[in-house]
């Protein structure tokens, strides 16, 4: 298993043989000689810290539906509604509620290496990877 670390440069696109645009993420390894570890067509998995979203409500964080627009609902369209039951008379641990979202370690598997540029020290991977530009990534093959 090959493992290299580096920095996410950003997103771009290249064109395949049929002329279709393929979205790619550009990755620059820390050491210059590590670019040659992977070759075009390799399947890799990339781990990194996802973008932080800050404090988010339950609708965005967990995909809750929210409440209705009518039937007496006023000023609480995106609230979570009831959070407990009548017997334990407390909120059960692990209840999906509003809170901080993102900024967690995420691994994306089965990404294809589309291009390896030895001169520029860049690897292009098909698809999106976690984190903002300049974030640290681990690439495992």
C-alpha atoms as a PDB file:
ATOM      1  CA  UNK A   1       0.000   0.000   0.000  1.00  0.00           C
ATOM      2  CA  UNK A   2       1.402   3.356  -1.077  1.00  0.00           C
ATOM      3  CA  UNK A   3       0.763   6.401   1.137  1.00  0.00           C
ATOM      4  CA  UNK A   4       1.734   9.971   0.364  1.00  0.00           C
ATOM      5  CA  UNK A   5       0.710  13.300   1.885  1.00  0.00           C
ATOM      6  CA  UNK A   6       0.360  16.633   0.184  1.00  0.00           C
ATOM      7  CA  UNK A   7      -1.736  19.713  -0.424  1.00  0.00           C
ATOM      8  CA  UNK A   8      -4.971  20.164  -2.375  1.00  0.00           C
ATOM      9  CA  UNK A   9      -4.355  22.806  -5.053  1.00  0.00           C
ATOM     10  CA  UNK A  10      -7.965  23.091  -6.217  1.00  0.00           C
ATOM     11  CA  UNK A  11     -10.506  21.865  -8.741  1.00  0.00           C
ATOM     12  CA  UNK A  12     -10.199  22.001 -12.512  1.00  0.00           C
ATOM     13  CA  UNK A  13     -11.339  20.069 -15.559  1.00  0.00           C
ATOM     14  CA  UNK A  14      -9.735  18.166 -18.387  1.00  0.00           C
ATOM     15  CA  UNK A  15     -11.274  16.835 -21.579  1.00  0.00           C
ATOM     16  CA  UNK A  16     -11.448  13.117 -22.408  1.00  0.00           C
ATOM     17  CA  UNK A  17     -11.082  11.555 -25.854  1.00  0.00           C
ATOM     18  CA  UNK A  18     -14.781  12.205 -26.653  1.00  0.00           C
ATOM     19  CA  UNK A  19     -14.487  15.905 -25.810  1.00  0.00           C
ATOM     20  CA  UNK A  20     -16.438  15.675 -22.537  1.00  0.00           C
ATOM     21  CA  UNK A  21     -15.278  17.758 -19.571  1.00  0.00           C
ATOM     22  CA  UNK A  22     -14.085  15.627 -16.629  1.00  0.00           C
ATOM     23  CA  UNK A  23     -13.906  17.376 -13.216  1.00  0.00           C
ATOM     24  CA  UNK A  24     -10.570  16.752 -11.500  1.00  0.00           C
ATOM     25  CA  UNK A  25      -8.887  17.723  -8.244  1.00  0.00           C
ATOM     26  CA  UNK A  26      -5.250  18.763  -8.409  1.00  0.00           C
ATOM     27  CA  UNK A  27      -2.965  17.448  -5.676  1.00  0.00           C
ATOM     28  CA  UNK A  28       0.667  18.361  -4.956  1.00  0.00           C
ATOM     29  CA  UNK A  29       2.705  15.894  -2.867  1.00  0.00           C
ATOM     30  CA  UNK A  30       5.086  17.227  -0.210  1.00  0.00           C
ATOM     31  CA  UNK A  31       8.133  15.408  -1.605  1.00  0.00           C
ATOM     32  CA  UNK A  32       8.989  15.910  -5.254  1.00  0.00           C
ATOM     33  CA  UNK A  33       9.906  12.272  -5.941  1.00  0.00           C
ATOM     34  CA  UNK A  34       6.541  10.929  -4.671  1.00  0.00           C
ATOM     35  CA  UNK A  35       4.678  11.889  -7.859  1.00  0.00           C
ATOM     36  CA  UNK A  36       6.048   8.830  -9.643  1.00  0.00           C
ATOM     37  CA  UNK A  37       4.509   6.478  -7.021  1.00  0.00           C
ATOM     38  CA  UNK A  38       1.150   6.559  -8.841  1.00  0.00           C
ATOM     39  CA  UNK A  39       0.427   6.162 -12.541  1.00  0.00           C
ATOM     40  CA  UNK A  40      -2.588   7.025 -14.663  1.00  0.00           C
ATOM     41  CA  UNK A  41      -5.525   4.669 -14.150  1.00  0.00           C
ATOM     42  CA  UNK A  42      -4.691   3.755 -10.520  1.00  0.00           C
ATOM     43  CA  UNK A  43      -7.545   3.647  -8.004  1.00  0.00           C
ATOM     44  CA  UNK A  44      -6.821   5.601  -4.808  1.00  0.00           C
ATOM     45  CA  UNK A  45      -8.579   6.666  -1.653  1.00  0.00           C
ATOM     46  CA  UNK A  46      -8.065  10.164  -0.309  1.00  0.00           C
ATOM     47  CA  UNK A  47      -8.550  11.291   3.296  1.00  0.00           C
ATOM     48  CA  UNK A  48      -8.739  14.834   4.596  1.00  0.00           C
ATOM     49  CA  UNK A  49     -10.602  17.243   6.859  1.00  0.00           C
ATOM     50  CA  UNK A  50     -13.890  18.419   5.338  1.00  0.00           C
ATOM     51  CA  UNK A  51     -14.899  22.081   5.129  1.00  0.00           C
ATOM     52  CA  UNK A  52     -16.375  23.402   8.360  1.00  0.00           C
ATOM     53  CA  UNK A  53     -19.954  24.709   8.085  1.00  0.00           C
ATOM     54  CA  UNK A  54     -20.270  26.167  11.596  1.00  0.00           C
ATOM     55  CA  UNK A  55     -23.460  25.904  13.652  1.00  0.00           C
ATOM     56  CA  UNK A  56     -26.287  24.556  11.482  1.00  0.00           C
ATOM     57  CA  UNK A  57     -29.922  23.716  12.098  1.00  0.00           C
ATOM     58  CA  UNK A  58     -31.357  20.212  11.899  1.00  0.00           C
ATOM     59  CA  UNK A  59     -32.785  20.751   8.411  1.00  0.00           C
ATOM     60  CA  UNK A  60     -29.344  21.352   6.884  1.00  0.00           C
ATOM     61  CA  UNK A  61     -27.350  19.129   9.246  1.00  0.00           C
ATOM     62  CA  UNK A  62     -29.540  16.006   9.206  1.00  0.00           C
ATOM     63  CA  UNK A  63     -31.897  16.570   6.254  1.00  0.00           C
ATOM     64  CA  UNK A  64     -35.040  16.986   8.368  1.00  0.00           C
ATOM     65  CA  UNK A  65     -38.147  17.994   6.458  1.00  0.00           C
ATOM     66  CA  UNK A  66     -39.126  20.916   8.667  1.00  0.00           C
ATOM     67  CA  UNK A  67     -42.683  21.869   9.604  1.00  0.00           C
ATOM     68  CA  UNK A  68     -45.571  22.861   7.365  1.00  0.00           C
ATOM     69  CA  UNK A  69     -46.136  26.305   5.923  1.00  0.00           C
ATOM     70  CA  UNK A  70     -49.778  26.488   7.050  1.00  0.00           C
ATOM     71  CA  UNK A  71     -52.158  25.109   9.711  1.00  0.00           C
ATOM     72  CA  UNK A  72     -51.102  27.478  12.448  1.00  0.00           C
ATOM     73  CA  UNK A  73     -47.336  27.130  12.015  1.00  0.00           C
ATOM     74  CA  UNK A  74     -45.814  30.549  12.546  1.00  0.00           C
ATOM     75  CA  UNK A  75     -42.092  31.457  12.880  1.00  0.00           C
ATOM     76  CA  UNK A  76     -40.922  27.847  13.184  1.00  0.00           C
ATOM     77  CA  UNK A  77     -40.808  26.369   9.692  1.00  0.00           C
ATOM     78  CA  UNK A  78     -37.299  24.922  10.080  1.00  0.00           C
ATOM     79  CA  UNK A  79     -37.484  23.713  13.695  1.00  0.00           C
ATOM     80  CA  UNK A  80     -37.157  20.043  14.654  1.00  0.00           C
ATOM     81  CA  UNK A  81     -40.439  19.770  16.602  1.00  0.00           C
ATOM     82  CA  UNK A  82     -40.770  17.369  19.524  1.00  0.00           C
ATOM     83  CA  UNK A  83     -37.492  15.995  20.899  1.00  0.00           C
ATOM     84  CA  UNK A  84     -38.547  13.597  23.662  1.00  0.00           C
ATOM     85  CA  UNK A  85     -41.081  11.058  24.880  1.00  0.00           C
ATOM     86  CA  UNK A  86     -43.374  11.074  27.892  1.00  0.00           C
ATOM     87  CA  UNK A  87     -41.688   8.277  29.799  1.00  0.00           C
ATOM     88  CA  UNK A  88     -38.007   8.868  30.315  1.00  0.00           C
ATOM     89  CA  UNK A  89     -38.859  12.587  30.524  1.00  0.00           C
ATOM     90  CA  UNK A  90     -35.521  13.589  29.107  1.00  0.00           C
ATOM     91  CA  UNK A  91     -33.847  13.880  25.744  1.00  0.00           C
ATOM     92  CA  UNK A  92     -32.256  10.564  24.713  1.00  0.00           C
ATOM     93  CA  UNK A  93     -28.490  10.653  24.039  1.00  0.00           C
ATOM     94  CA  UNK A  94     -27.596  10.762  20.363  1.00  0.00           C
ATOM     95  CA  UNK A  95     -30.744  12.657  19.329  1.00  0.00           C
ATOM     96  CA  UNK A  96     -30.216  14.425  16.020  1.00  0.00           C
ATOM     97  CA  UNK A  97     -30.289  18.115  16.851  1.00  0.00           C
ATOM     98  CA  UNK A  98     -28.765  21.372  15.623  1.00  0.00           C
ATOM     99  CA  UNK A  99     -25.018  21.807  16.174  1.00  0.00           C
ATOM    100  CA  UNK A 100     -21.639  22.189  14.544  1.00  0.00           C
ATOM    101  CA  UNK A 101     -21.323  20.608  11.139  1.00  0.00           C
ATOM    102  CA  UNK A 102     -18.322  19.615   9.041  1.00  0.00           C
ATOM    103  CA  UNK A 103     -14.602  19.800   9.854  1.00  0.00           C
ATOM    104  CA  UNK A 104     -14.342  16.040  10.306  1.00  0.00           C
ATOM    105  CA  UNK A 105     -12.052  13.449   8.774  1.00  0.00           C
ATOM    106  CA  UNK A 106     -13.581  12.137   5.545  1.00  0.00           C
ATOM    107  CA  UNK A 107     -12.296   9.407   3.214  1.00  0.00           C
ATOM    108  CA  UNK A 108     -13.366   9.205  -0.430  1.00  0.00           C
ATOM    109  CA  UNK A 109     -12.679   5.806  -2.003  1.00  0.00           C
ATOM    110  CA  UNK A 110     -12.220   4.545  -5.579  1.00  0.00           C
ATOM    111  CA  UNK A 111     -10.986   7.780  -7.131  1.00  0.00           C
ATOM    112  CA  UNK A 112      -9.159   7.366 -10.433  1.00  0.00           C
ATOM    113  CA  UNK A 113      -5.792   9.006 -11.117  1.00  0.00           C
ATOM    114  CA  UNK A 114      -6.346  10.773 -14.444  1.00  0.00           C
ATOM    115  CA  UNK A 115      -3.004  12.499 -14.962  1.00  0.00           C
ATOM    116  CA  UNK A 116       0.467  12.506 -13.407  1.00  0.00           C
ATOM    117  CA  UNK A 117       2.637  15.531 -14.250  1.00  0.00           C
ATOM    118  CA  UNK A 118       6.264  14.898 -13.267  1.00  0.00           C
ATOM    119  CA  UNK A 119       7.482  18.356 -14.337  1.00  0.00           C
ATOM    120  CA  UNK A 120       4.938  20.327 -12.285  1.00  0.00           C
ATOM    121  CA  UNK A 121       4.827  17.798  -9.404  1.00  0.00           C
ATOM    122  CA  UNK A 122       1.032  17.463  -9.672  1.00  0.00           C
ATOM    123  CA  UNK A 123      -1.398  14.529  -9.599  1.00  0.00           C
ATOM    124  CA  UNK A 124      -4.913  14.973 -11.072  1.00  0.00           C
ATOM    125  CA  UNK A 125      -7.644  12.797  -9.537  1.00  0.00           C
ATOM    126  CA  UNK A 126     -11.114  12.413 -11.063  1.00  0.00           C
ATOM    127  CA  UNK A 127     -13.831  13.860  -8.808  1.00  0.00           C
ATOM    128  CA  UNK A 128     -13.981  15.879  -5.606  1.00  0.00           C
ATOM    129  CA  UNK A 129     -11.960  15.361  -2.440  1.00  0.00           C
ATOM    130  CA  UNK A 130     -12.625  16.729   1.076  1.00  0.00           C
ATOM    131  CA  UNK A 131     -11.377  20.077   2.317  1.00  0.00           C
ATOM    132  CA  UNK A 132     -10.747  23.594   1.056  1.00  0.00           C
ATOM    133  CA  UNK A 133      -7.842  24.611  -1.195  1.00  0.00           C
ATOM    134  CA  UNK A 134      -4.543  24.304   0.619  1.00  0.00           C
ATOM    135  CA  UNK A 135      -5.744  21.596   3.002  1.00  0.00           C
ATOM    136  CA  UNK A 136      -3.594  18.573   3.828  1.00  0.00           C
ATOM    137  CA  UNK A 137      -4.586  15.260   2.197  1.00  0.00           C
ATOM    138  CA  UNK A 138      -3.494  11.626   2.439  1.00  0.00           C
ATOM    139  CA  UNK A 139      -3.519   9.584  -0.755  1.00  0.00           C
ATOM    140  CA  UNK A 140      -3.457   5.789  -0.434  1.00  0.00           C
ATOM    141  CA  UNK A 141      -3.249   3.405  -3.352  1.00  0.00           C
END
